[in-house]
Amino acid sequence: MLIDQNITIKYLADVPEVSHAIAGWYYNEWGAYDENITFEYMHEIVLQKIGNKDQIPLSLVLFVDEKLAGVAELKYRENKNFPEYTHWLGGIFIASTFRGLGLSSKLIQSAKTVAKALDVQNLYLQAEPMNIALYEKHGFKKLHTADHVGIQTTIMVTNLSK
């Protein structure tokens, strides 16, 4: 439980020194199994969001008691197979020592708030099967399934203009 812990969410632009750690998380979680993906490639993807606080793409970084605990990204046209879906939530990752504490929900809510402030109407995401219920809890609705780099995902959307 997080009762006595201080949770803060910052823009990656304000804490660029954590970009290597985030790239390491992404590489180990999603890239290490693909021989065409390197840590350097993952770091370049993270760096694409490092300068932005008032436009997409950007990253939100979560800290617990000043320890790096998680990250989420707001992206622009993440899936090239669906160019009509403009704004995406993705890259949600919680460090293993902080899982099970509800931190992903805090990141999702913060990302939705930031996206709405940036006048995003519809926010899309790609969910792996084990995460669908989490996103439904946050107002995302299933649209359809899709293949994303060999992984079966469900494309979901939430309308932020309500």
N, C-alpha and C. Protein backbone atom coordinates (compact mmCIF):
# COMPACT_ATOMS: atom_id res chain seq x y z
N MET A 1 0.84 -1.18 0.00
CA MET A 1 0.00 0.00 0.00
C MET A 1 0.89 1.25 0.00
N LEU A 2 0.41 2.32 -0.61
CA LEU A 2 1.21 3.52 -0.80
C LEU A 2 0.86 4.67 0.15
N ILE A 3 0.26 4.37 1.28
CA ILE A 3 -0.25 5.43 2.16
C ILE A 3 0.84 6.44 2.55
N ASP A 4 2.01 5.97 2.92
CA ASP A 4 3.05 6.86 3.42
C ASP A 4 4.05 7.28 2.35
N GLN A 5 3.79 6.95 1.12
CA GLN A 5 4.77 7.24 0.08
C GLN A 5 4.35 8.44 -0.75
N ASN A 6 5.32 9.19 -1.19
CA ASN A 6 5.11 10.38 -2.00
C ASN A 6 5.18 10.00 -3.48
N ILE A 7 4.05 10.16 -4.18
CA ILE A 7 3.97 9.84 -5.60
C ILE A 7 3.96 11.14 -6.38
N THR A 8 4.87 11.25 -7.36
CA THR A 8 4.89 12.41 -8.24
C THR A 8 4.98 11.94 -9.68
N ILE A 9 4.37 12.72 -10.56
CA ILE A 9 4.45 12.45 -11.99
C ILE A 9 5.01 13.70 -12.65
N LYS A 10 6.07 13.50 -13.42
CA LYS A 10 6.76 14.61 -14.08
C LYS A 10 6.84 14.33 -15.58
N TYR A 11 7.05 15.38 -16.33
CA TYR A 11 7.34 15.21 -17.76
C TYR A 11 8.78 14.72 -17.90
N LEU A 12 9.01 13.83 -18.86
CA LEU A 12 10.38 13.38 -19.14
C LEU A 12 11.26 14.58 -19.46
N ALA A 13 10.69 15.62 -20.06
CA ALA A 13 11.44 16.83 -20.37
C ALA A 13 12.07 17.46 -19.13
N ASP A 14 11.46 17.23 -17.97
CA ASP A 14 11.98 17.79 -16.71
C ASP A 14 12.98 16.88 -16.01
N VAL A 15 13.04 15.62 -16.43
CA VAL A 15 13.96 14.65 -15.81
C VAL A 15 14.65 13.81 -16.90
N PRO A 16 15.34 14.46 -17.84
CA PRO A 16 15.92 13.71 -18.96
C PRO A 16 16.95 12.67 -18.54
N GLU A 17 17.50 12.82 -17.35
CA GLU A 17 18.51 11.87 -16.89
C GLU A 17 17.96 10.45 -16.71
N VAL A 18 16.64 10.27 -16.68
CA VAL A 18 16.08 8.92 -16.52
C VAL A 18 15.83 8.23 -17.86
N SER A 19 16.17 8.88 -18.96
CA SER A 19 15.88 8.31 -20.27
C SER A 19 16.56 6.96 -20.50
N HIS A 20 17.77 6.79 -20.00
CA HIS A 20 18.47 5.51 -20.18
C HIS A 20 17.76 4.38 -19.42
N ALA A 21 17.31 4.67 -18.21
CA ALA A 21 16.60 3.65 -17.43
C ALA A 21 15.31 3.24 -18.13
N ILE A 22 14.57 4.21 -18.66
CA ILE A 22 13.32 3.92 -19.37
C ILE A 22 13.61 3.09 -20.62
N ALA A 23 14.64 3.47 -21.36
CA ALA A 23 15.01 2.69 -22.56
C ALA A 23 15.37 1.26 -22.17
N GLY A 24 16.03 1.08 -21.05
CA GLY A 24 16.36 -0.26 -20.57
C GLY A 24 15.11 -1.07 -20.26
N TRP A 25 14.14 -0.42 -19.60
CA TRP A 25 12.87 -1.11 -19.33
C TRP A 25 12.23 -1.55 -20.63
N TYR A 26 12.11 -0.62 -21.59
CA TYR A 26 11.45 -0.92 -22.86
C TYR A 26 12.19 -2.02 -23.62
N TYR A 27 13.50 -1.92 -23.63
CA TYR A 27 14.28 -2.93 -24.35
C TYR A 27 14.06 -4.32 -23.73
N ASN A 28 14.16 -4.40 -22.41
CA ASN A 28 14.00 -5.70 -21.74
C ASN A 28 12.59 -6.26 -21.87
N GLU A 29 11.59 -5.38 -21.87
CA GLU A 29 10.20 -5.83 -21.93
C GLU A 29 9.75 -6.16 -23.34
N TRP A 30 10.13 -5.32 -24.32
CA TRP A 30 9.56 -5.45 -25.66
C TRP A 30 10.58 -5.62 -26.78
N GLY A 31 11.83 -5.34 -26.53
CA GLY A 31 12.78 -5.33 -27.63
C GLY A 31 13.82 -6.43 -27.64
N ALA A 32 14.14 -6.98 -26.49
CA ALA A 32 15.26 -7.92 -26.39
C ALA A 32 15.04 -9.20 -27.20
N TYR A 33 13.79 -9.49 -27.54
CA TYR A 33 13.49 -10.73 -28.25
C TYR A 33 13.53 -10.56 -29.77
N ASP A 34 13.80 -9.35 -30.21
CA ASP A 34 13.86 -9.07 -31.65
C ASP A 34 15.29 -8.68 -31.98
N GLU A 35 15.95 -9.48 -32.78
CA GLU A 35 17.37 -9.23 -33.08
C GLU A 35 17.61 -7.92 -33.82
N ASN A 36 16.55 -7.33 -34.39
CA ASN A 36 16.69 -6.06 -35.09
C ASN A 36 16.58 -4.85 -34.17
N ILE A 37 16.21 -5.08 -32.92
CA ILE A 37 16.04 -3.97 -31.97
C ILE A 37 17.21 -3.97 -31.00
N THR A 38 17.81 -2.81 -30.85
CA THR A 38 18.93 -2.65 -29.92
C THR A 38 18.52 -1.69 -28.80
N PHE A 39 19.31 -1.68 -27.75
CA PHE A 39 19.08 -0.72 -26.67
C PHE A 39 19.18 0.70 -27.23
N GLU A 40 20.13 0.93 -28.10
CA GLU A 40 20.31 2.27 -28.68
C GLU A 40 19.07 2.71 -29.45
N TYR A 41 18.46 1.78 -30.18
CA TYR A 41 17.23 2.09 -30.90
C TYR A 41 16.12 2.47 -29.92
N MET A 42 15.98 1.69 -28.86
CA MET A 42 14.96 2.00 -27.85
C MET A 42 15.23 3.36 -27.21
N HIS A 43 16.50 3.66 -26.97
CA HIS A 43 16.82 4.96 -26.37
C HIS A 43 16.45 6.10 -27.31
N GLU A 44 16.67 5.91 -28.60
CA GLU A 44 16.27 6.94 -29.57
C GLU A 44 14.76 7.17 -29.54
N ILE A 45 13.99 6.11 -29.38
CA ILE A 45 12.53 6.25 -29.28
C ILE A 45 12.16 7.06 -28.04
N VAL A 46 12.80 6.77 -26.93
CA VAL A 46 12.55 7.53 -25.69
C VAL A 46 12.94 8.99 -25.89
N LEU A 47 14.07 9.23 -26.52
CA LEU A 47 14.55 10.61 -26.71
C LEU A 47 13.63 11.45 -27.60
N GLN A 48 12.83 10.81 -28.44
CA GLN A 48 11.89 11.55 -29.29
C GLN A 48 10.85 12.31 -28.45
N LYS A 49 10.68 11.90 -27.21
CA LYS A 49 9.66 12.52 -26.35
C LYS A 49 10.28 13.39 -25.26
N ILE A 50 11.59 13.54 -25.28
CA ILE A 50 12.27 14.18 -24.17
C ILE A 50 12.09 15.70 -24.12
N GLY A 51 11.79 16.33 -25.24
CA GLY A 51 11.73 17.78 -25.23
C GLY A 51 10.33 18.36 -25.11
N ASN A 52 9.32 17.50 -25.02
CA ASN A 52 7.95 18.01 -25.11
C ASN A 52 7.20 17.96 -23.79
N LYS A 53 6.52 19.09 -23.50
CA LYS A 53 5.60 19.17 -22.38
C LYS A 53 4.24 19.70 -22.83
N ASP A 54 4.20 20.36 -23.98
CA ASP A 54 2.96 20.97 -24.42
C ASP A 54 2.52 20.49 -25.80
N GLN A 55 3.10 19.40 -26.25
CA GLN A 55 2.68 18.79 -27.52
C GLN A 55 3.05 17.31 -27.50
N ILE A 56 2.31 16.56 -28.29
CA ILE A 56 2.56 15.14 -28.42
C ILE A 56 3.53 14.94 -29.58
N PRO A 57 4.55 14.09 -29.41
CA PRO A 57 4.74 13.06 -28.41
C PRO A 57 5.39 13.59 -27.13
N LEU A 58 5.04 12.94 -26.02
CA LEU A 58 5.65 13.27 -24.73
C LEU A 58 5.57 12.06 -23.82
N SER A 59 6.35 12.10 -22.77
CA SER A 59 6.35 11.02 -21.78
C SER A 59 6.09 11.58 -20.40
N LEU A 60 5.36 10.81 -19.62
CA LEU A 60 5.11 11.12 -18.21
C LEU A 60 5.86 10.07 -17.39
N VAL A 61 6.58 10.54 -16.38
CA VAL A 61 7.42 9.66 -15.58
C VAL A 61 6.93 9.70 -14.14
N LEU A 62 6.73 8.52 -13.56
CA LEU A 62 6.21 8.41 -12.20
C LEU A 62 7.32 8.07 -11.22
N PHE A 63 7.32 8.75 -10.10
CA PHE A 63 8.29 8.52 -9.03
C PHE A 63 7.54 8.20 -7.75
N VAL A 64 8.09 7.27 -6.97
CA VAL A 64 7.59 6.98 -5.63
C VAL A 64 8.74 7.27 -4.68
N ASP A 65 8.50 8.20 -3.76
CA ASP A 65 9.57 8.63 -2.84
C ASP A 65 10.86 8.95 -3.59
N GLU A 66 10.72 9.65 -4.70
CA GLU A 66 11.82 10.10 -5.55
C GLU A 66 12.56 8.98 -6.27
N LYS A 67 12.00 7.77 -6.23
CA LYS A 67 12.58 6.64 -6.97
C LYS A 67 11.78 6.46 -8.26
N LEU A 68 12.49 6.30 -9.37
CA LEU A 68 11.85 6.07 -10.66
C LEU A 68 11.03 4.79 -10.59
N ALA A 69 9.73 4.90 -10.89
CA ALA A 69 8.84 3.75 -10.73
C ALA A 69 8.06 3.39 -11.99
N GLY A 70 7.84 4.36 -12.91
CA GLY A 70 7.05 4.03 -14.09
C GLY A 70 7.05 5.12 -15.13
N VAL A 71 6.45 4.81 -16.27
CA VAL A 71 6.41 5.74 -17.40
C VAL A 71 5.19 5.44 -18.26
N ALA A 72 4.69 6.47 -18.93
CA ALA A 72 3.65 6.33 -19.94
C ALA A 72 3.93 7.37 -21.02
N GLU A 73 3.50 7.06 -22.25
CA GLU A 73 3.75 7.95 -23.38
C GLU A 73 2.45 8.35 -24.06
N LEU A 74 2.41 9.58 -24.50
CA LEU A 74 1.38 10.02 -25.44
C LEU A 74 2.08 10.12 -26.78
N LYS A 75 1.53 9.43 -27.78
CA LYS A 75 2.19 9.29 -29.07
C LYS A 75 1.30 9.81 -30.19
N TYR A 76 1.91 10.06 -31.31
CA TYR A 76 1.21 10.52 -32.50
C TYR A 76 1.28 9.43 -33.55
N ARG A 77 0.13 8.95 -33.99
CA ARG A 77 0.02 7.90 -35.02
C ARG A 77 0.97 6.73 -34.76
N GLU A 78 0.79 6.10 -33.64
CA GLU A 78 1.67 4.99 -33.24
C GLU A 78 1.62 3.81 -34.20
N ASN A 79 0.44 3.47 -34.68
CA ASN A 79 0.30 2.29 -35.52
C ASN A 79 0.09 2.73 -36.97
N LYS A 80 1.08 2.49 -37.80
CA LYS A 80 1.01 2.95 -39.19
C LYS A 80 -0.09 2.26 -39.98
N ASN A 81 -0.62 1.14 -39.48
CA ASN A 81 -1.72 0.46 -40.15
C ASN A 81 -3.06 1.15 -39.94
N PHE A 82 -3.10 2.08 -38.99
CA PHE A 82 -4.33 2.81 -38.68
C PHE A 82 -4.04 4.31 -38.61
N PRO A 83 -3.70 4.93 -39.74
CA PRO A 83 -3.34 6.36 -39.72
C PRO A 83 -4.50 7.26 -39.32
N GLU A 84 -5.72 6.76 -39.39
CA GLU A 84 -6.87 7.57 -38.99
C GLU A 84 -6.96 7.70 -37.47
N TYR A 85 -6.23 6.88 -36.73
CA TYR A 85 -6.18 6.97 -35.27
C TYR A 85 -4.97 7.83 -34.92
N THR A 86 -5.22 9.05 -34.52
CA THR A 86 -4.15 10.03 -34.40
C THR A 86 -3.37 9.96 -33.08
N HIS A 87 -4.05 10.05 -31.97
CA HIS A 87 -3.37 10.17 -30.67
C HIS A 87 -3.48 8.88 -29.86
N TRP A 88 -2.33 8.44 -29.35
CA TRP A 88 -2.23 7.15 -28.69
C TRP A 88 -1.63 7.27 -27.29
N LEU A 89 -2.08 6.40 -26.41
CA LEU A 89 -1.45 6.17 -25.11
C LEU A 89 -0.69 4.87 -25.24
N GLY A 90 0.56 4.84 -24.80
CA GLY A 90 1.34 3.62 -24.91
C GLY A 90 2.57 3.67 -24.03
N GLY A 91 3.37 2.63 -24.14
CA GLY A 91 4.62 2.57 -23.38
C GLY A 91 4.42 2.59 -21.88
N ILE A 92 3.25 2.14 -21.42
CA ILE A 92 3.01 2.14 -19.98
C ILE A 92 3.82 1.02 -19.36
N PHE A 93 4.66 1.41 -18.41
CA PHE A 93 5.54 0.44 -17.77
C PHE A 93 5.71 0.82 -16.31
N ILE A 94 5.58 -0.17 -15.43
CA ILE A 94 5.84 0.01 -14.01
C ILE A 94 6.98 -0.93 -13.64
N ALA A 95 8.00 -0.40 -12.97
CA ALA A 95 9.14 -1.22 -12.53
C ALA A 95 8.64 -2.35 -11.64
N SER A 96 9.27 -3.50 -11.74
CA SER A 96 8.78 -4.70 -11.05
C SER A 96 8.61 -4.51 -9.55
N THR A 97 9.47 -3.74 -8.92
CA THR A 97 9.37 -3.55 -7.46
C THR A 97 8.18 -2.69 -7.06
N PHE A 98 7.52 -2.04 -8.03
CA PHE A 98 6.39 -1.17 -7.74
C PHE A 98 5.07 -1.70 -8.30
N ARG A 99 5.07 -2.90 -8.85
CA ARG A 99 3.85 -3.44 -9.45
C ARG A 99 2.86 -3.87 -8.37
N GLY A 100 1.58 -3.84 -8.75
CA GLY A 100 0.53 -4.27 -7.84
C GLY A 100 0.08 -3.20 -6.87
N LEU A 101 0.51 -1.97 -7.08
CA LEU A 101 0.19 -0.87 -6.16
C LEU A 101 -0.77 0.15 -6.76
N GLY A 102 -1.26 -0.12 -7.97
CA GLY A 102 -2.19 0.81 -8.60
C GLY A 102 -1.53 1.97 -9.33
N LEU A 103 -0.24 1.89 -9.54
CA LEU A 103 0.49 3.00 -10.16
C LEU A 103 0.16 3.15 -11.64
N SER A 104 -0.11 2.05 -12.33
CA SER A 104 -0.46 2.18 -13.75
C SER A 104 -1.75 2.98 -13.88
N SER A 105 -2.67 2.83 -12.96
CA SER A 105 -3.91 3.63 -12.99
C SER A 105 -3.61 5.11 -12.83
N LYS A 106 -2.67 5.43 -11.97
CA LYS A 106 -2.29 6.84 -11.80
C LYS A 106 -1.70 7.40 -13.09
N LEU A 107 -0.87 6.62 -13.77
CA LEU A 107 -0.29 7.05 -15.04
C LEU A 107 -1.35 7.21 -16.12
N ILE A 108 -2.27 6.27 -16.19
CA ILE A 108 -3.33 6.34 -17.20
C ILE A 108 -4.17 7.60 -16.98
N GLN A 109 -4.57 7.84 -15.74
CA GLN A 109 -5.39 9.03 -15.45
C GLN A 109 -4.62 10.31 -15.77
N SER A 110 -3.36 10.36 -15.41
CA SER A 110 -2.55 11.55 -15.70
C SER A 110 -2.40 11.77 -17.20
N ALA A 111 -2.17 10.68 -17.93
CA ALA A 111 -2.03 10.80 -19.39
C ALA A 111 -3.33 11.28 -20.02
N LYS A 112 -4.46 10.78 -19.55
CA LYS A 112 -5.75 11.24 -20.07
C LYS A 112 -5.95 12.72 -19.78
N THR A 113 -5.57 13.17 -18.59
CA THR A 113 -5.70 14.58 -18.22
C THR A 113 -4.83 15.46 -19.12
N VAL A 114 -3.59 15.04 -19.34
CA VAL A 114 -2.68 15.81 -20.20
C VAL A 114 -3.21 15.83 -21.63
N ALA A 115 -3.65 14.68 -22.14
CA ALA A 115 -4.17 14.62 -23.51
C ALA A 115 -5.39 15.53 -23.68
N LYS A 116 -6.27 15.53 -22.70
CA LYS A 116 -7.45 16.39 -22.78
C LYS A 116 -7.05 17.86 -22.79
N ALA A 117 -6.06 18.22 -21.98
CA ALA A 117 -5.57 19.60 -21.94
C ALA A 117 -4.95 20.01 -23.28
N LEU A 118 -4.47 19.03 -24.04
CA LEU A 118 -3.89 19.28 -25.36
C LEU A 118 -4.93 19.15 -26.47
N ASP A 119 -6.20 19.16 -26.09
CA ASP A 119 -7.34 19.12 -27.01
C ASP A 119 -7.45 17.83 -27.80
N VAL A 120 -6.97 16.73 -27.24
CA VAL A 120 -7.15 15.43 -27.87
C VAL A 120 -8.60 15.01 -27.66
N GLN A 121 -9.26 14.62 -28.74
CA GLN A 121 -10.66 14.17 -28.66
C GLN A 121 -10.74 12.68 -28.36
N ASN A 122 -10.05 11.88 -29.17
CA ASN A 122 -10.06 10.43 -29.01
C ASN A 122 -8.64 9.95 -28.75
N LEU A 123 -8.49 9.14 -27.71
CA LEU A 123 -7.19 8.60 -27.33
C LEU A 123 -7.25 7.08 -27.53
N TYR A 124 -6.34 6.56 -28.34
CA TYR A 124 -6.30 5.15 -28.69
C TYR A 124 -5.17 4.46 -27.94
N LEU A 125 -5.26 3.14 -27.85
CA LEU A 125 -4.17 2.34 -27.32
C LEU A 125 -4.27 0.94 -27.89
N GLN A 126 -3.15 0.22 -27.78
CA GLN A 126 -3.09 -1.19 -28.17
C GLN A 126 -2.90 -1.99 -26.90
N ALA A 127 -3.85 -2.86 -26.59
CA ALA A 127 -3.78 -3.63 -25.35
C ALA A 127 -3.50 -5.09 -25.63
N GLU A 128 -2.57 -5.63 -24.88
CA GLU A 128 -2.39 -7.07 -24.88
C GLU A 128 -3.52 -7.66 -24.03
N PRO A 129 -3.90 -8.91 -24.27
CA PRO A 129 -5.08 -9.48 -23.61
C PRO A 129 -5.13 -9.30 -22.09
N MET A 130 -3.99 -9.43 -21.40
CA MET A 130 -4.00 -9.35 -19.94
C MET A 130 -4.26 -7.93 -19.43
N ASN A 131 -4.23 -6.92 -20.29
CA ASN A 131 -4.42 -5.53 -19.84
C ASN A 131 -5.76 -4.93 -20.22
N ILE A 132 -6.59 -5.64 -20.96
CA ILE A 132 -7.85 -5.08 -21.44
C ILE A 132 -8.73 -4.61 -20.29
N ALA A 133 -8.89 -5.42 -19.25
CA ALA A 133 -9.77 -5.04 -18.12
C ALA A 133 -9.28 -3.76 -17.44
N LEU A 134 -7.98 -3.58 -17.32
CA LEU A 134 -7.43 -2.36 -16.73
C LEU A 134 -7.86 -1.14 -17.53
N TYR A 135 -7.72 -1.21 -18.84
CA TYR A 135 -8.07 -0.06 -19.68
C TYR A 135 -9.58 0.17 -19.72
N GLU A 136 -10.35 -0.90 -19.68
CA GLU A 136 -11.81 -0.73 -19.63
C GLU A 136 -12.21 0.01 -18.36
N LYS A 137 -11.52 -0.27 -17.27
CA LYS A 137 -11.78 0.42 -15.99
C LYS A 137 -11.57 1.93 -16.12
N HIS A 138 -10.74 2.32 -17.07
CA HIS A 138 -10.44 3.75 -17.29
C HIS A 138 -11.18 4.33 -18.48
N GLY A 139 -12.25 3.66 -18.90
CA GLY A 139 -13.13 4.22 -19.92
C GLY A 139 -12.78 3.90 -21.35
N PHE A 140 -11.80 3.05 -21.58
CA PHE A 140 -11.46 2.66 -22.95
C PHE A 140 -12.41 1.55 -23.41
N LYS A 141 -12.80 1.63 -24.67
CA LYS A 141 -13.70 0.65 -25.28
C LYS A 141 -12.96 -0.10 -26.39
N LYS A 142 -13.26 -1.39 -26.52
CA LYS A 142 -12.66 -2.20 -27.58
C LYS A 142 -13.19 -1.76 -28.94
N LEU A 143 -12.29 -1.61 -29.90
CA LEU A 143 -12.67 -1.34 -31.29
C LEU A 143 -12.54 -2.60 -32.14
N HIS A 144 -11.34 -3.21 -32.13
CA HIS A 144 -11.08 -4.40 -32.93
C HIS A 144 -9.72 -4.96 -32.55
N THR A 145 -9.42 -6.13 -33.05
CA THR A 145 -8.10 -6.72 -32.82
C THR A 145 -7.18 -6.34 -33.98
N ALA A 146 -5.90 -6.44 -33.72
CA ALA A 146 -4.91 -6.11 -34.74
C ALA A 146 -3.60 -6.83 -34.42
N ASP A 147 -2.83 -7.03 -35.45
CA ASP A 147 -1.49 -7.57 -35.27
C ASP A 147 -0.52 -6.40 -35.17
N HIS A 148 0.27 -6.39 -34.11
CA HIS A 148 1.28 -5.34 -33.94
C HIS A 148 2.62 -6.01 -33.73
N VAL A 149 3.49 -5.94 -34.71
CA VAL A 149 4.81 -6.58 -34.72
C VAL A 149 4.74 -8.03 -34.23
N GLY A 150 3.76 -8.75 -34.76
CA GLY A 150 3.63 -10.16 -34.45
C GLY A 150 2.88 -10.48 -33.17
N ILE A 151 2.38 -9.47 -32.49
CA ILE A 151 1.63 -9.68 -31.24
C ILE A 151 0.18 -9.32 -31.50
N GLN A 152 -0.73 -10.19 -31.08
CA GLN A 152 -2.16 -9.92 -31.22
C GLN A 152 -2.58 -8.92 -30.14
N THR A 153 -3.10 -7.79 -30.56
CA THR A 153 -3.53 -6.75 -29.62
C THR A 153 -4.97 -6.37 -29.90
N THR A 154 -5.55 -5.67 -28.95
CA THR A 154 -6.88 -5.11 -29.12
C THR A 154 -6.73 -3.60 -29.16
N ILE A 155 -7.22 -2.98 -30.22
CA ILE A 155 -7.21 -1.53 -30.33
C ILE A 155 -8.40 -1.02 -29.53
N MET A 156 -8.14 -0.05 -28.65
CA MET A 156 -9.16 0.52 -27.79
C MET A 156 -9.15 2.04 -27.92
N VAL A 157 -10.26 2.67 -27.54
CA VAL A 157 -10.37 4.13 -27.62
C VAL A 157 -11.19 4.64 -26.45
N THR A 158 -10.87 5.86 -26.05
CA THR A 158 -11.72 6.60 -25.11
C THR A 158 -11.89 7.99 -25.67
N ASN A 159 -13.07 8.53 -25.49
CA ASN A 159 -13.37 9.88 -25.96
C ASN A 159 -13.14 10.84 -24.79
N LEU A 160 -12.28 11.82 -24.99
CA LEU A 160 -11.92 12.78 -23.92
C LEU A 160 -12.73 14.05 -23.97
N SER A 161 -13.60 14.21 -24.95
CA SER A 161 -14.33 15.47 -25.08
C SER A 161 -15.57 15.52 -24.20
N LYS A 162 -15.85 14.46 -23.49
CA LYS A 162 -17.04 14.40 -22.62
C LYS A 162 -16.89 15.30 -21.41
